[in-house]
C-alpha cells in the first residue's frame, strides 16, 4: 500500500500530465482521445487513493464485530479490486477471531467475513 500522500501526489501528477497532453493536441479527435484515456487512468488512481485512505483506518490490533463475533486486525493481504476504471491493487485488512490461535484458516479477511454488509465494511 502506498502512503496516502503518495497516492494523492500521483493523482495530482496525472491531472497535470493529462492537461499537458490535451493542451498539446493538434485536433479535437486527438484531444478527446487523450482526455478519455487520461480520465480513465485518473479514475483508477483516484480509486486507489480512496482505498489506501480507507485501509489506513484499519491498523493492526483494531477490533471489529461481525455476525456477533469479535475479530481483530492481524495484518493485510494484497489483492486487486475491480472498478469501472480497471483493477486497483490494494492492501486489504486481515482479521482473526479474538483469542483464536494464529492458524491461517482463522484469518478471514474482512471482505470474506462481511463485504456485503455495507455498515460493517471498512470501505
N, C-alpha and C. Protein backbone atom coordinates (compact mmCIF):
# COMPACT_ATOMS: atom_id res chain seq x y z
N UNK A 1 0.84 -1.18 0.00
CA UNK A 1 0.00 0.00 0.00
C UNK A 1 0.89 1.24 0.00
N UNK A 2 0.64 2.11 -0.91
CA UNK A 2 1.34 3.38 -0.95
C UNK A 2 0.84 4.24 0.20
N UNK A 3 1.67 5.21 0.61
CA UNK A 3 1.18 6.12 1.63
C UNK A 3 0.05 6.94 1.03
N UNK A 4 -0.80 7.45 1.87
CA UNK A 4 -1.93 8.24 1.39
C UNK A 4 -1.42 9.45 0.63
N UNK A 5 -0.40 10.11 1.16
CA UNK A 5 0.14 11.29 0.49
C UNK A 5 0.73 10.94 -0.87
N UNK A 6 1.42 9.80 -0.97
CA UNK A 6 1.96 9.37 -2.26
C UNK A 6 0.84 9.13 -3.27
N UNK A 7 -0.25 8.54 -2.81
CA UNK A 7 -1.40 8.29 -3.69
C UNK A 7 -1.96 9.59 -4.22
N UNK A 8 -2.18 10.56 -3.34
CA UNK A 8 -2.75 11.84 -3.78
C UNK A 8 -1.76 12.63 -4.63
N UNK A 9 -0.46 12.52 -4.34
CA UNK A 9 0.54 13.18 -5.18
C UNK A 9 0.52 12.61 -6.60
N UNK A 10 0.34 11.31 -6.72
CA UNK A 10 0.28 10.68 -8.03
C UNK A 10 -0.98 11.13 -8.79
N UNK A 11 -2.08 11.30 -8.07
CA UNK A 11 -3.30 11.82 -8.70
C UNK A 11 -3.03 13.22 -9.26
N UNK A 12 -2.41 14.08 -8.46
CA UNK A 12 -2.10 15.44 -8.90
C UNK A 12 -1.16 15.43 -10.11
N UNK A 13 -0.16 14.56 -10.09
CA UNK A 13 0.78 14.46 -11.20
C UNK A 13 0.05 14.04 -12.47
N UNK A 14 -0.86 13.09 -12.33
CA UNK A 14 -1.59 12.60 -13.51
C UNK A 14 -2.53 13.67 -14.07
N UNK A 15 -3.14 14.47 -13.22
CA UNK A 15 -4.00 15.57 -13.70
C UNK A 15 -3.18 16.54 -14.54
N UNK A 16 -2.00 16.90 -14.04
CA UNK A 16 -1.13 17.81 -14.80
C UNK A 16 -0.71 17.18 -16.14
N UNK A 17 -0.41 15.89 -16.13
CA UNK A 17 0.00 15.20 -17.35
C UNK A 17 -1.13 15.18 -18.39
N UNK A 18 -2.35 14.88 -17.96
CA UNK A 18 -3.49 14.86 -18.88
C UNK A 18 -3.73 16.26 -19.45
N UNK A 19 -3.64 17.25 -18.60
CA UNK A 19 -3.84 18.62 -19.07
C UNK A 19 -2.80 19.00 -20.12
N UNK A 20 -1.53 18.68 -19.87
CA UNK A 20 -0.48 18.99 -20.85
C UNK A 20 -0.73 18.26 -22.17
N UNK A 21 -1.15 17.02 -22.10
CA UNK A 21 -1.40 16.24 -23.32
C UNK A 21 -2.54 16.86 -24.12
N UNK A 22 -3.61 17.26 -23.45
CA UNK A 22 -4.75 17.87 -24.15
C UNK A 22 -4.35 19.24 -24.72
N UNK A 23 -3.59 20.02 -23.96
CA UNK A 23 -3.16 21.33 -24.45
C UNK A 23 -2.31 21.23 -25.71
N UNK A 24 -1.54 20.16 -25.83
CA UNK A 24 -0.64 19.98 -26.97
C UNK A 24 -1.32 19.31 -28.17
N UNK A 25 -2.53 18.85 -27.99
CA UNK A 25 -3.24 18.16 -29.08
C UNK A 25 -3.41 19.10 -30.27
N UNK A 26 -3.33 18.53 -31.47
CA UNK A 26 -3.45 19.35 -32.68
C UNK A 26 -4.82 19.21 -33.34
N UNK A 27 -5.68 18.34 -32.78
CA UNK A 27 -7.03 18.20 -33.32
C UNK A 27 -7.98 17.85 -32.18
N UNK A 28 -9.26 18.07 -32.43
CA UNK A 28 -10.27 17.73 -31.42
C UNK A 28 -10.27 16.23 -31.16
N UNK A 29 -10.08 15.45 -32.21
CA UNK A 29 -10.05 13.98 -32.06
C UNK A 29 -8.90 13.55 -31.15
N UNK A 30 -7.74 14.14 -31.36
CA UNK A 30 -6.57 13.83 -30.54
C UNK A 30 -6.80 14.27 -29.09
N UNK A 31 -7.36 15.46 -28.91
CA UNK A 31 -7.63 15.97 -27.56
C UNK A 31 -8.64 15.08 -26.83
N UNK A 32 -9.69 14.69 -27.57
CA UNK A 32 -10.72 13.85 -26.95
C UNK A 32 -10.15 12.49 -26.55
N UNK A 33 -9.34 11.89 -27.42
CA UNK A 33 -8.73 10.59 -27.10
C UNK A 33 -7.81 10.69 -25.90
N UNK A 34 -7.02 11.75 -25.87
CA UNK A 34 -6.10 11.95 -24.74
C UNK A 34 -6.87 12.18 -23.44
N UNK A 35 -7.93 12.98 -23.53
CA UNK A 35 -8.74 13.25 -22.34
C UNK A 35 -9.40 11.97 -21.84
N UNK A 36 -9.96 11.21 -22.76
CA UNK A 36 -10.66 9.98 -22.37
C UNK A 36 -9.70 8.99 -21.70
N UNK A 37 -8.56 8.73 -22.35
CA UNK A 37 -7.58 7.80 -21.78
C UNK A 37 -7.04 8.32 -20.44
N UNK A 38 -6.77 9.61 -20.40
CA UNK A 38 -6.25 10.20 -19.17
C UNK A 38 -7.24 10.15 -18.03
N UNK A 39 -8.51 10.39 -18.33
CA UNK A 39 -9.52 10.36 -17.27
C UNK A 39 -9.76 8.96 -16.76
N UNK A 40 -9.68 7.96 -17.61
CA UNK A 40 -9.81 6.58 -17.14
C UNK A 40 -8.65 6.22 -16.21
N UNK A 41 -7.43 6.60 -16.60
CA UNK A 41 -6.26 6.34 -15.75
C UNK A 41 -6.37 7.13 -14.45
N UNK A 42 -6.86 8.36 -14.55
CA UNK A 42 -7.04 9.18 -13.35
C UNK A 42 -8.07 8.55 -12.42
N UNK A 43 -9.16 8.04 -12.98
CA UNK A 43 -10.17 7.37 -12.16
C UNK A 43 -9.59 6.18 -11.42
N UNK A 44 -8.75 5.43 -12.08
CA UNK A 44 -8.11 4.28 -11.43
C UNK A 44 -7.22 4.75 -10.28
N UNK A 45 -6.45 5.82 -10.50
CA UNK A 45 -5.61 6.37 -9.43
C UNK A 45 -6.45 6.89 -8.26
N UNK A 46 -7.56 7.56 -8.58
CA UNK A 46 -8.43 8.07 -7.53
C UNK A 46 -9.00 6.93 -6.69
N UNK A 47 -9.40 5.85 -7.33
CA UNK A 47 -9.93 4.70 -6.58
C UNK A 47 -8.84 4.09 -5.71
N UNK A 48 -7.62 4.01 -6.24
CA UNK A 48 -6.50 3.51 -5.43
C UNK A 48 -6.24 4.38 -4.22
N UNK A 49 -6.28 5.70 -4.42
CA UNK A 49 -6.08 6.63 -3.30
C UNK A 49 -7.20 6.49 -2.28
N UNK A 50 -8.41 6.31 -2.77
CA UNK A 50 -9.56 6.12 -1.87
C UNK A 50 -9.36 4.86 -1.01
N UNK A 51 -9.01 3.75 -1.66
CA UNK A 51 -8.81 2.50 -0.90
C UNK A 51 -7.63 2.61 0.05
N UNK A 52 -6.55 3.28 -0.34
CA UNK A 52 -5.42 3.49 0.57
C UNK A 52 -5.85 4.28 1.80
N UNK A 53 -6.65 5.32 1.57
CA UNK A 53 -7.13 6.14 2.67
C UNK A 53 -8.01 5.34 3.62
N UNK A 54 -8.91 4.54 3.07
CA UNK A 54 -9.80 3.73 3.90
C UNK A 54 -9.02 2.65 4.66
N UNK A 55 -8.04 2.03 3.99
CA UNK A 55 -7.27 0.96 4.63
C UNK A 55 -6.45 1.49 5.80
N UNK A 56 -6.04 2.75 5.74
CA UNK A 56 -5.22 3.31 6.81
C UNK A 56 -5.98 3.36 8.14
N UNK A 57 -7.29 3.35 8.10
CA UNK A 57 -8.09 3.38 9.32
C UNK A 57 -8.13 2.01 10.00
N UNK A 58 -7.72 0.96 9.30
CA UNK A 58 -7.79 -0.40 9.82
C UNK A 58 -6.40 -0.91 10.16
N UNK A 59 -5.81 -0.34 11.19
CA UNK A 59 -4.46 -0.71 11.59
C UNK A 59 -4.46 -2.02 12.38
N UNK A 60 -3.31 -2.67 12.39
CA UNK A 60 -3.15 -3.91 13.14
C UNK A 60 -3.54 -3.69 14.60
N UNK A 61 -4.31 -4.62 15.13
CA UNK A 61 -4.77 -4.53 16.52
C UNK A 61 -6.17 -3.97 16.67
N UNK A 62 -6.68 -3.28 15.66
CA UNK A 62 -8.03 -2.73 15.75
C UNK A 62 -9.03 -3.88 15.79
N UNK A 63 -10.08 -3.72 16.59
CA UNK A 63 -11.10 -4.76 16.73
C UNK A 63 -12.40 -4.33 16.08
N UNK A 64 -13.14 -5.32 15.61
CA UNK A 64 -14.43 -5.08 14.98
C UNK A 64 -15.31 -6.30 15.20
N UNK A 65 -16.61 -6.13 14.98
CA UNK A 65 -17.57 -7.22 15.14
C UNK A 65 -18.20 -7.56 13.81
N UNK A 66 -18.49 -8.85 13.66
CA UNK A 66 -19.26 -9.32 12.50
C UNK A 66 -19.98 -10.58 12.93
N UNK A 67 -21.29 -10.63 12.64
CA UNK A 67 -22.11 -11.80 12.97
C UNK A 67 -21.95 -12.18 14.43
N UNK A 68 -21.99 -11.19 15.30
CA UNK A 68 -21.88 -11.38 16.75
C UNK A 68 -20.59 -12.06 17.20
N UNK A 69 -19.54 -11.90 16.41
CA UNK A 69 -18.23 -12.42 16.78
C UNK A 69 -17.24 -11.27 16.74
N UNK A 70 -16.26 -11.30 17.64
CA UNK A 70 -15.25 -10.26 17.73
C UNK A 70 -14.00 -10.68 16.96
N UNK A 71 -13.49 -9.78 16.14
CA UNK A 71 -12.27 -10.00 15.37
C UNK A 71 -11.29 -8.88 15.66
N UNK A 72 -10.02 -9.15 15.37
CA UNK A 72 -9.00 -8.11 15.43
C UNK A 72 -8.17 -8.18 14.16
N UNK A 73 -7.68 -7.03 13.74
CA UNK A 73 -6.85 -6.96 12.54
C UNK A 73 -5.46 -7.51 12.89
N UNK A 74 -4.98 -8.46 12.08
CA UNK A 74 -3.67 -9.07 12.33
C UNK A 74 -2.68 -8.78 11.21
N UNK A 75 -3.10 -8.07 10.21
CA UNK A 75 -2.20 -7.76 9.10
C UNK A 75 -2.99 -7.35 7.88
N UNK A 76 -2.37 -7.51 6.72
CA UNK A 76 -3.03 -7.14 5.46
C UNK A 76 -2.60 -8.11 4.38
N UNK A 77 -3.45 -8.23 3.37
CA UNK A 77 -3.12 -9.04 2.21
C UNK A 77 -3.30 -8.19 0.97
N UNK A 78 -2.42 -8.36 0.01
CA UNK A 78 -2.52 -7.61 -1.24
C UNK A 78 -3.52 -8.27 -2.17
N UNK A 79 -4.47 -7.50 -2.63
CA UNK A 79 -5.49 -8.01 -3.55
C UNK A 79 -5.76 -6.94 -4.61
N UNK A 80 -6.48 -7.33 -5.63
CA UNK A 80 -6.92 -6.38 -6.64
C UNK A 80 -8.43 -6.30 -6.58
N UNK A 81 -8.95 -5.08 -6.62
CA UNK A 81 -10.38 -4.85 -6.62
C UNK A 81 -10.75 -4.28 -7.97
N UNK A 82 -11.73 -4.88 -8.61
CA UNK A 82 -12.18 -4.39 -9.90
C UNK A 82 -13.03 -3.15 -9.74
N UNK A 83 -12.73 -2.12 -10.52
CA UNK A 83 -13.53 -0.90 -10.53
C UNK A 83 -13.93 -0.62 -11.97
N UNK A 84 -14.74 0.35 -12.19
CA UNK A 84 -15.12 0.73 -13.55
C UNK A 84 -13.93 1.28 -14.33
N UNK A 85 -12.86 1.62 -13.63
CA UNK A 85 -11.66 2.17 -14.26
C UNK A 85 -10.59 1.11 -14.47
N UNK A 86 -10.84 -0.10 -14.04
CA UNK A 86 -9.86 -1.18 -14.11
C UNK A 86 -9.56 -1.68 -12.71
N UNK A 87 -8.71 -2.68 -12.64
CA UNK A 87 -8.35 -3.25 -11.35
C UNK A 87 -7.39 -2.34 -10.60
N UNK A 88 -7.59 -2.29 -9.29
CA UNK A 88 -6.77 -1.45 -8.42
C UNK A 88 -6.15 -2.34 -7.36
N UNK A 89 -4.82 -2.29 -7.22
CA UNK A 89 -4.13 -3.05 -6.18
C UNK A 89 -4.31 -2.36 -4.84
N UNK A 90 -4.76 -3.13 -3.85
CA UNK A 90 -4.98 -2.56 -2.52
C UNK A 90 -4.46 -3.53 -1.46
N UNK A 91 -4.25 -3.02 -0.27
CA UNK A 91 -3.92 -3.84 0.88
C UNK A 91 -5.19 -3.98 1.70
N UNK A 92 -5.72 -5.17 1.75
CA UNK A 92 -6.97 -5.42 2.47
C UNK A 92 -6.64 -5.96 3.86
N UNK A 93 -7.26 -5.39 4.90
CA UNK A 93 -7.00 -5.87 6.26
C UNK A 93 -7.42 -7.33 6.41
N UNK A 94 -6.69 -8.05 7.23
CA UNK A 94 -6.99 -9.44 7.54
C UNK A 94 -7.27 -9.53 9.03
N UNK A 95 -8.39 -10.15 9.37
CA UNK A 95 -8.76 -10.28 10.77
C UNK A 95 -8.78 -11.72 11.22
N UNK A 96 -8.75 -11.92 12.53
CA UNK A 96 -8.92 -13.25 13.11
C UNK A 96 -9.79 -13.10 14.34
N UNK A 97 -10.42 -14.19 14.73
CA UNK A 97 -11.24 -14.16 15.92
C UNK A 97 -10.38 -13.77 17.12
N UNK A 98 -10.90 -12.91 17.96
CA UNK A 98 -10.17 -12.51 19.16
C UNK A 98 -9.98 -13.75 20.03
N UNK A 99 -8.74 -14.00 20.42
CA UNK A 99 -8.41 -15.14 21.26
C UNK A 99 -8.18 -16.44 20.52
N UNK A 100 -8.41 -16.46 19.22
CA UNK A 100 -8.20 -17.68 18.43
C UNK A 100 -6.71 -17.89 18.19
N UNK A 101 -6.30 -19.15 18.06
CA UNK A 101 -4.89 -19.39 17.76
C UNK A 101 -4.54 -18.84 16.39
N UNK A 102 -3.30 -18.54 16.18
CA UNK A 102 -2.85 -17.94 14.92
C UNK A 102 -2.64 -18.99 13.84
N UNK A 103 -3.73 -19.58 13.37
CA UNK A 103 -3.70 -20.51 12.23
C UNK A 103 -4.25 -19.77 11.04
N UNK A 104 -3.76 -20.08 9.87
CA UNK A 104 -4.18 -19.38 8.64
C UNK A 104 -5.69 -19.44 8.44
N UNK A 105 -6.32 -20.57 8.73
CA UNK A 105 -7.76 -20.67 8.49
C UNK A 105 -8.59 -19.80 9.42
N UNK A 106 -7.99 -19.24 10.47
CA UNK A 106 -8.72 -18.34 11.36
C UNK A 106 -8.48 -16.88 10.99
N UNK A 107 -7.93 -16.61 9.80
CA UNK A 107 -7.65 -15.25 9.37
C UNK A 107 -8.60 -14.82 8.26
N UNK A 108 -9.90 -14.77 8.53
CA UNK A 108 -10.77 -14.34 7.42
C UNK A 108 -10.51 -12.88 7.11
N UNK A 109 -10.41 -12.57 5.85
CA UNK A 109 -10.28 -11.15 5.53
C UNK A 109 -11.62 -10.51 5.82
N UNK A 110 -11.61 -9.23 6.06
CA UNK A 110 -12.85 -8.53 6.34
C UNK A 110 -13.81 -8.71 5.18
N UNK A 111 -13.29 -8.73 4.00
CA UNK A 111 -14.15 -8.87 2.83
C UNK A 111 -14.85 -10.21 2.85
N UNK A 112 -14.12 -11.29 3.13
CA UNK A 112 -14.75 -12.60 3.17
C UNK A 112 -15.71 -12.72 4.33
N UNK A 113 -15.53 -11.94 5.39
CA UNK A 113 -16.39 -12.10 6.56
C UNK A 113 -17.49 -11.05 6.63
N UNK A 114 -17.67 -10.24 5.60
CA UNK A 114 -18.75 -9.28 5.70
C UNK A 114 -18.77 -8.22 4.64
N UNK A 115 -18.20 -8.46 3.49
CA UNK A 115 -18.14 -7.46 2.43
C UNK A 115 -19.53 -6.97 2.05
N UNK A 116 -20.53 -7.85 2.00
CA UNK A 116 -21.85 -7.44 1.58
C UNK A 116 -22.54 -6.54 2.60
N UNK A 117 -22.16 -6.64 3.84
CA UNK A 117 -22.77 -5.81 4.88
C UNK A 117 -22.09 -4.44 4.88
N UNK A 118 -22.66 -3.51 4.13
CA UNK A 118 -22.02 -2.20 3.94
C UNK A 118 -21.77 -1.49 5.26
N UNK A 119 -22.63 -1.68 6.24
CA UNK A 119 -22.44 -0.98 7.50
C UNK A 119 -21.22 -1.51 8.25
N UNK A 120 -20.78 -2.71 7.93
CA UNK A 120 -19.63 -3.28 8.61
C UNK A 120 -18.38 -3.26 7.75
N UNK A 121 -18.52 -2.93 6.49
CA UNK A 121 -17.41 -2.95 5.55
C UNK A 121 -16.49 -1.76 5.81
N UNK A 122 -15.15 -1.98 5.88
CA UNK A 122 -14.25 -0.86 6.15
C UNK A 122 -14.19 0.13 5.02
N UNK A 123 -14.60 -0.23 3.81
CA UNK A 123 -14.58 0.69 2.68
C UNK A 123 -15.96 1.05 2.33
